[in-house]
Amino acid sequence: MLSYRHSYHAGNFADVLKHVILIEILEHLVKKDTPFDYIDTHAGAGLYSLESEHAEKIQEYKGGIGKINFKDFPELAKYHHVIGSCNADDQIRNYPGSPYIVQKYLRHKVRKNDRAWLYEMHPADYKSLDDLMSYDRDMRVERSDGFTGLLAKFPPLSKRGFVLIDPSYEIKEDYNLVFEAVARAYKKFATGTYAIWYPVVDRRLITQLEKKFRGVGIKNIQQFELGICQDGAQRGMTSSGMIIINPPWTLLATMKNLLPKLARAIGQDQAGVSRSLELTAE
């Protein structure tokens, strides 16, 4: 959907969850010397000003990154460092998108460099992303459908792959498109790591998505959620989640310790919620 602009939502509590997990996976990937390929199916603009008209209109960042006191979260030092790299001082005026974060981890070696494939359909966001990455030959930006790009690039030549999928879910069909794309990609490349973000607006849609993943025969799946309050009749996103296929072996324990602490920080009236679990196949 070309109406969606992440610039309105950058730095919100959903971004906190998504980018903390993104960094955990990247830290695991770079422990091995062999290169990897990264695919971002809905890459966005790559970097966002929290002082822009879009960000200030909704001010979602105030309920997300704005509530994180990094002095209380030494375990988020690497996340803090990446955010600091796009700001001139301790004040967070800019917030990095996933392409910016990944770029900080790509290793440039002769004939063994990591590579990223970034897909974005919105013309303005594509232009911003292309400009941002124009000097980096290993960050390939395309204005095309990310699901099609994923299936075209997998299996990767590097034999190591990581995919981030986070569409807007403005239409309910996105839930099915996500599942179908991942199921098809997994058949082509079963050892890759797949990170699927989703919003919790209607819990029934998430339950259906979980059931599909449980029933498709994928064995190693974990699920994480971070929210400002319990599910209810209120409008809007109460939580956001990530489904991770082939996660790092340390991820579950790390998130079980971290997410309750983050939930207390971002929760409304300290009523934040979190989940960390393994999805067992049916």
Protein backbone atom coordinates (compact mmCIF):
# COMPACT_ATOMS: atom_id res chain seq x y z
CA MET A 1 0.00 0.00 0.00
CA LEU A 2 1.58 3.27 -1.14
CA SER A 3 -0.35 5.34 1.42
CA TYR A 4 1.75 4.01 4.32
CA ARG A 5 4.74 6.11 5.45
CA HIS A 6 6.86 4.83 8.30
CA SER A 7 8.05 8.38 8.96
CA TYR A 8 4.87 8.88 11.00
CA HIS A 9 5.70 5.92 13.25
CA ALA A 10 9.51 5.83 13.44
CA GLY A 11 10.91 5.12 16.87
CA ASN A 12 7.65 3.80 18.32
CA PHE A 13 7.54 0.80 20.65
CA ALA A 14 7.13 -1.55 17.66
CA ASP A 15 10.41 -0.26 16.25
CA VAL A 16 12.09 -0.84 19.60
CA LEU A 17 11.11 -4.52 19.56
CA LYS A 18 11.93 -4.99 15.87
CA HIS A 19 15.33 -3.34 16.02
CA VAL A 20 16.45 -4.93 19.28
CA ILE A 21 15.80 -8.35 17.72
CA LEU A 22 17.36 -7.27 14.41
CA ILE A 23 20.58 -6.37 16.20
CA GLU A 24 20.59 -9.60 18.20
CA ILE A 25 20.40 -11.59 14.95
CA LEU A 26 23.05 -9.47 13.21
CA GLU A 27 25.41 -9.87 16.17
CA HIS A 28 25.02 -13.63 15.80
CA LEU A 29 25.59 -13.57 12.02
CA VAL A 30 28.83 -11.61 12.15
CA LYS A 31 30.41 -14.06 14.59
CA LYS A 32 31.17 -16.27 11.60
CA ASP A 33 33.69 -15.14 9.02
CA THR A 34 31.60 -16.35 6.08
CA PRO A 35 29.45 -13.71 4.33
CA PHE A 36 25.67 -13.48 4.46
CA ASP A 37 22.90 -11.96 2.37
CA TYR A 38 20.22 -9.74 3.93
CA ILE A 39 16.83 -9.03 2.37
CA ASP A 40 14.50 -6.27 3.57
CA THR A 41 11.13 -6.67 1.84
CA HIS A 42 9.65 -3.36 3.03
CA ALA A 43 12.70 -1.22 3.68
CA GLY A 44 11.24 2.27 4.09
CA ALA A 45 13.35 5.42 3.88
CA GLY A 46 16.23 4.09 5.98
CA LEU A 47 16.62 7.06 8.34
CA TYR A 48 14.01 9.29 9.97
CA SER A 49 13.97 12.71 11.57
CA LEU A 50 11.95 12.74 14.79
CA GLU A 51 11.64 16.51 14.35
CA SER A 52 9.90 16.17 10.98
CA GLU A 53 6.30 17.16 10.36
CA HIS A 54 5.35 13.49 10.00
CA ALA A 55 6.94 12.37 13.27
CA GLU A 56 5.63 15.33 15.23
CA LYS A 57 2.08 14.86 13.96
CA ILE A 58 1.54 11.60 15.89
CA GLN A 59 4.60 11.61 18.17
CA GLU A 60 4.64 7.83 18.50
CA TYR A 61 8.35 7.94 19.23
CA LYS A 62 7.58 9.45 22.63
CA GLY A 63 5.88 6.18 23.62
CA GLY A 64 8.74 4.10 22.27
CA ILE A 65 12.39 5.13 22.08
CA GLY A 66 11.48 8.24 24.07
CA LYS A 67 10.70 6.08 27.11
CA ILE A 68 13.97 4.14 27.06
CA ASN A 69 16.59 5.38 29.51
CA PHE A 70 19.66 3.59 28.23
CA LYS A 71 21.38 3.96 31.60
CA ASP A 72 18.85 1.41 32.85
CA PHE A 73 19.49 -0.93 29.91
CA PRO A 74 23.19 -1.80 29.66
CA GLU A 75 22.14 -4.87 27.64
CA LEU A 76 21.03 -2.48 24.87
CA ALA A 77 24.46 -0.88 24.42
CA LYS A 78 24.77 -1.91 20.78
CA TYR A 79 21.27 -0.61 19.96
CA HIS A 80 22.15 2.64 21.73
CA HIS A 81 25.41 2.88 19.78
CA VAL A 82 23.65 2.55 16.41
CA ILE A 83 21.13 5.24 17.36
CA GLY A 84 23.97 7.46 18.54
CA SER A 85 25.75 7.10 15.20
CA CYS A 86 23.03 9.11 13.45
CA ASN A 87 22.80 11.83 16.11
CA ALA A 88 25.29 14.58 16.93
CA ASP A 89 24.77 14.37 20.70
CA ASP A 90 22.81 12.46 23.35
CA GLN A 91 19.54 13.97 22.12
CA ILE A 92 17.74 11.53 19.78
CA ARG A 93 16.66 13.69 16.87
CA ASN A 94 17.09 11.02 14.19
CA TYR A 95 16.06 7.40 14.34
CA PRO A 96 17.58 4.64 12.16
CA GLY A 97 15.46 2.31 10.06
CA SER A 98 16.43 -1.30 9.49
CA PRO A 99 18.56 -0.60 6.36
CA TYR A 100 20.70 1.89 8.29
CA ILE A 101 21.15 -0.59 11.16
CA VAL A 102 22.09 -3.43 8.81
CA GLN A 103 24.59 -1.23 6.99
CA LYS A 104 26.49 -0.82 10.25
CA TYR A 105 26.99 -4.59 10.38
CA LEU A 106 27.84 -5.40 6.77
CA ARG A 107 31.45 -6.43 6.36
CA HIS A 108 33.27 -5.35 3.22
CA LYS A 109 35.89 -7.85 2.15
CA VAL A 110 37.50 -8.75 -1.15
CA ARG A 111 35.21 -11.33 -2.80
CA LYS A 112 33.66 -12.18 0.59
CA ASN A 113 31.54 -9.15 1.39
CA ASP A 114 28.11 -9.30 2.96
CA ARG A 115 25.29 -7.93 0.81
CA ALA A 116 21.87 -6.40 1.38
CA TRP A 117 18.89 -6.25 -0.94
CA LEU A 118 16.43 -3.47 -0.02
CA TYR A 119 12.95 -3.23 -1.54
CA GLU A 120 10.67 -0.22 -1.23
CA MET A 121 7.64 0.67 -3.36
CA HIS A 122 6.75 4.18 -2.14
CA PRO A 123 8.40 6.63 -4.58
CA ALA A 124 9.46 9.21 -1.99
CA ASP A 125 10.79 6.63 0.48
CA TYR A 126 12.55 4.75 -2.32
CA LYS A 127 14.28 7.98 -3.36
CA SER A 128 15.37 8.73 0.22
CA LEU A 129 16.66 5.19 0.69
CA ASP A 130 18.47 5.16 -2.65
CA ASP A 131 20.16 8.47 -1.84
CA LEU A 132 21.14 7.23 1.64
CA MET A 133 22.74 4.06 0.28
CA SER A 134 24.09 5.45 -2.99
CA TYR A 135 27.74 5.27 -1.93
CA ASP A 136 27.56 1.64 -0.73
CA ARG A 137 27.76 -0.92 -3.53
CA ASP A 138 26.76 -3.74 -1.17
CA MET A 139 23.41 -2.12 -0.30
CA ARG A 140 21.25 -2.76 -3.38
CA VAL A 141 18.05 -0.66 -3.47
CA GLU A 142 15.17 -1.58 -5.76
CA ARG A 143 11.75 -0.02 -6.27
CA SER A 144 9.91 -3.29 -6.63
CA ASP A 145 7.82 -5.80 -4.70
CA GLY A 146 9.79 -7.24 -1.82
CA PHE A 147 8.00 -10.59 -1.78
CA THR A 148 8.94 -11.12 -5.44
CA GLY A 149 12.48 -10.01 -4.70
CA LEU A 150 12.78 -12.45 -1.82
CA LEU A 151 11.80 -15.41 -3.94
CA ALA A 152 14.12 -14.31 -6.73
CA LYS A 153 17.18 -13.92 -4.46
CA PHE A 154 16.75 -17.09 -2.39
CA PRO A 155 18.61 -19.35 -2.03
CA PRO A 156 21.49 -16.87 -1.71
CA LEU A 157 24.89 -17.55 -3.22
CA SER A 158 26.49 -17.02 0.19
CA LYS A 159 24.51 -19.96 1.63
CA ARG A 160 23.70 -17.73 4.62
CA GLY A 161 20.61 -15.54 4.56
CA PHE A 162 18.55 -13.28 6.80
CA VAL A 163 15.19 -11.80 5.83
CA LEU A 164 13.20 -9.04 7.54
CA ILE A 165 9.53 -8.81 6.55
CA ASP A 166 7.46 -5.96 7.96
CA PRO A 167 4.66 -4.73 5.70
CA SER A 168 2.12 -2.18 6.87
CA TYR A 169 -0.74 -4.70 7.23
CA GLU A 170 -3.11 -1.94 6.13
CA ILE A 171 -5.13 -4.64 4.40
CA LYS A 172 -5.92 -8.02 5.96
CA GLU A 173 -4.58 -9.80 2.89
CA ASP A 174 -1.07 -8.81 4.00
CA TYR A 175 -1.19 -11.52 6.68
CA ASN A 176 -1.73 -14.19 4.06
CA LEU A 177 0.83 -12.65 1.68
CA VAL A 178 3.44 -12.76 4.45
CA PHE A 179 2.77 -16.40 5.25
CA GLU A 180 2.75 -17.49 1.61
CA ALA A 181 6.00 -15.66 0.85
CA VAL A 182 7.78 -17.14 3.85
CA ALA A 183 6.47 -20.65 3.23
CA ARG A 184 7.66 -20.54 -0.38
CA ALA A 185 11.03 -19.03 0.52
CA TYR A 186 11.55 -21.62 3.27
CA LYS A 187 11.02 -24.43 0.78
CA LYS A 188 13.83 -22.94 -1.33
CA PHE A 189 16.11 -22.13 1.60
CA ALA A 190 15.29 -23.89 4.88
CA THR A 191 18.41 -22.81 6.78
CA GLY A 192 17.88 -19.06 6.48
CA THR A 193 16.73 -16.82 9.33
CA TYR A 194 13.34 -15.18 8.77
CA ALA A 195 12.09 -12.33 10.97
CA ILE A 196 8.41 -11.45 10.50
CA TRP A 197 7.02 -8.37 12.23
CA TYR A 198 3.29 -7.95 12.91
CA PRO A 199 1.00 -5.48 14.74
CA VAL A 200 -1.50 -6.64 17.35
CA VAL A 201 -4.66 -4.77 16.41
CA ASP A 202 -7.00 -7.73 16.01
CA ARG A 203 -5.77 -10.71 18.04
CA ARG A 204 -7.78 -13.13 15.91
CA LEU A 205 -5.59 -12.35 12.89
CA ILE A 206 -2.45 -13.09 14.88
CA THR A 207 -3.87 -16.36 16.17
CA GLN A 208 -4.64 -17.38 12.59
CA LEU A 209 -1.11 -16.46 11.49
CA GLU A 210 0.40 -18.47 14.34
CA LYS A 211 -1.73 -21.48 13.41
CA LYS A 212 -0.52 -21.33 9.80
CA PHE A 213 3.11 -21.30 10.85
CA ARG A 214 2.54 -24.11 13.34
CA GLY A 215 1.00 -26.25 10.61
CA VAL A 216 3.47 -25.73 7.77
CA GLY A 217 6.18 -28.05 9.07
CA ILE A 218 8.78 -25.49 10.15
CA LYS A 219 10.42 -26.79 13.31
CA ASN A 220 12.44 -23.92 14.79
CA ILE A 221 10.15 -20.94 15.41
CA GLN A 222 10.12 -18.42 18.24
CA GLN A 223 7.68 -15.60 18.93
CA PHE A 224 8.11 -12.36 20.84
CA GLU A 225 5.69 -9.55 21.70
CA LEU A 226 5.99 -6.17 23.37
CA GLY A 227 2.95 -4.07 24.17
CA ILE A 228 1.72 -1.02 26.00
CA CYS A 229 -1.35 -2.75 27.46
CA GLN A 230 -3.41 -5.93 27.36
CA ASP A 231 -5.55 -6.74 24.32
CA GLY A 232 -8.94 -5.10 24.52
CA ALA A 233 -11.71 -3.31 22.70
CA GLN A 234 -9.66 -0.12 22.26
CA ARG A 235 -8.70 0.96 18.78
CA GLY A 236 -5.15 0.89 17.54
CA MET A 237 -2.09 -1.26 18.10
CA THR A 238 -1.74 -2.52 21.66
CA SER A 239 1.28 -4.75 21.04
CA SER A 240 3.62 -5.68 18.25
CA GLY A 241 5.32 -8.98 17.65
CA MET A 242 8.02 -10.86 15.82
CA ILE A 243 7.97 -14.43 14.55
CA ILE A 244 11.53 -15.68 14.08
CA ILE A 245 12.39 -18.80 12.07
CA ASN A 246 15.81 -20.31 12.74
CA PRO A 247 16.72 -17.79 15.46
CA PRO A 248 20.11 -17.57 17.16
CA TRP A 249 20.31 -20.14 19.94
CA THR A 250 20.70 -17.35 22.53
CA LEU A 251 17.70 -15.28 21.45
CA LEU A 252 14.94 -16.85 23.54
CA ALA A 253 16.80 -16.55 26.84
CA THR A 254 17.89 -13.00 26.02
CA MET A 255 14.38 -11.82 25.21
CA LYS A 256 12.81 -13.58 28.20
CA ASN A 257 15.04 -11.45 30.41
CA LEU A 258 14.79 -8.23 28.43
CA LEU A 259 11.16 -7.94 27.29
CA PRO A 260 9.48 -7.72 30.74
CA LYS A 261 11.88 -4.89 31.58
CA LEU A 262 11.10 -3.10 28.31
CA ALA A 263 7.38 -3.63 28.90
CA ARG A 264 7.59 -1.85 32.24
CA ALA A 265 9.39 1.05 30.55
CA ILE A 266 6.99 1.58 27.65
CA GLY A 267 3.70 0.38 29.20
CA GLN A 268 0.81 2.71 29.83
CA ASP A 269 0.64 3.27 33.62
CA GLN A 270 3.35 0.59 33.91
CA ALA A 271 0.94 -1.97 32.45
CA GLY A 272 3.10 -3.09 29.55
CA VAL A 273 2.98 -6.69 28.38
CA SER A 274 5.43 -9.09 26.77
CA ARG A 275 5.63 -12.66 25.47
CA SER A 276 8.58 -14.91 24.66
CA LEU A 277 7.89 -18.46 23.55
CA GLU A 278 8.61 -21.26 21.12
CA LEU A 279 5.95 -22.12 18.54
CA THR A 280 5.62 -25.89 18.42
CA ALA A 281 4.47 -27.54 15.21
CA GLU A 282 0.98 -29.03 15.15
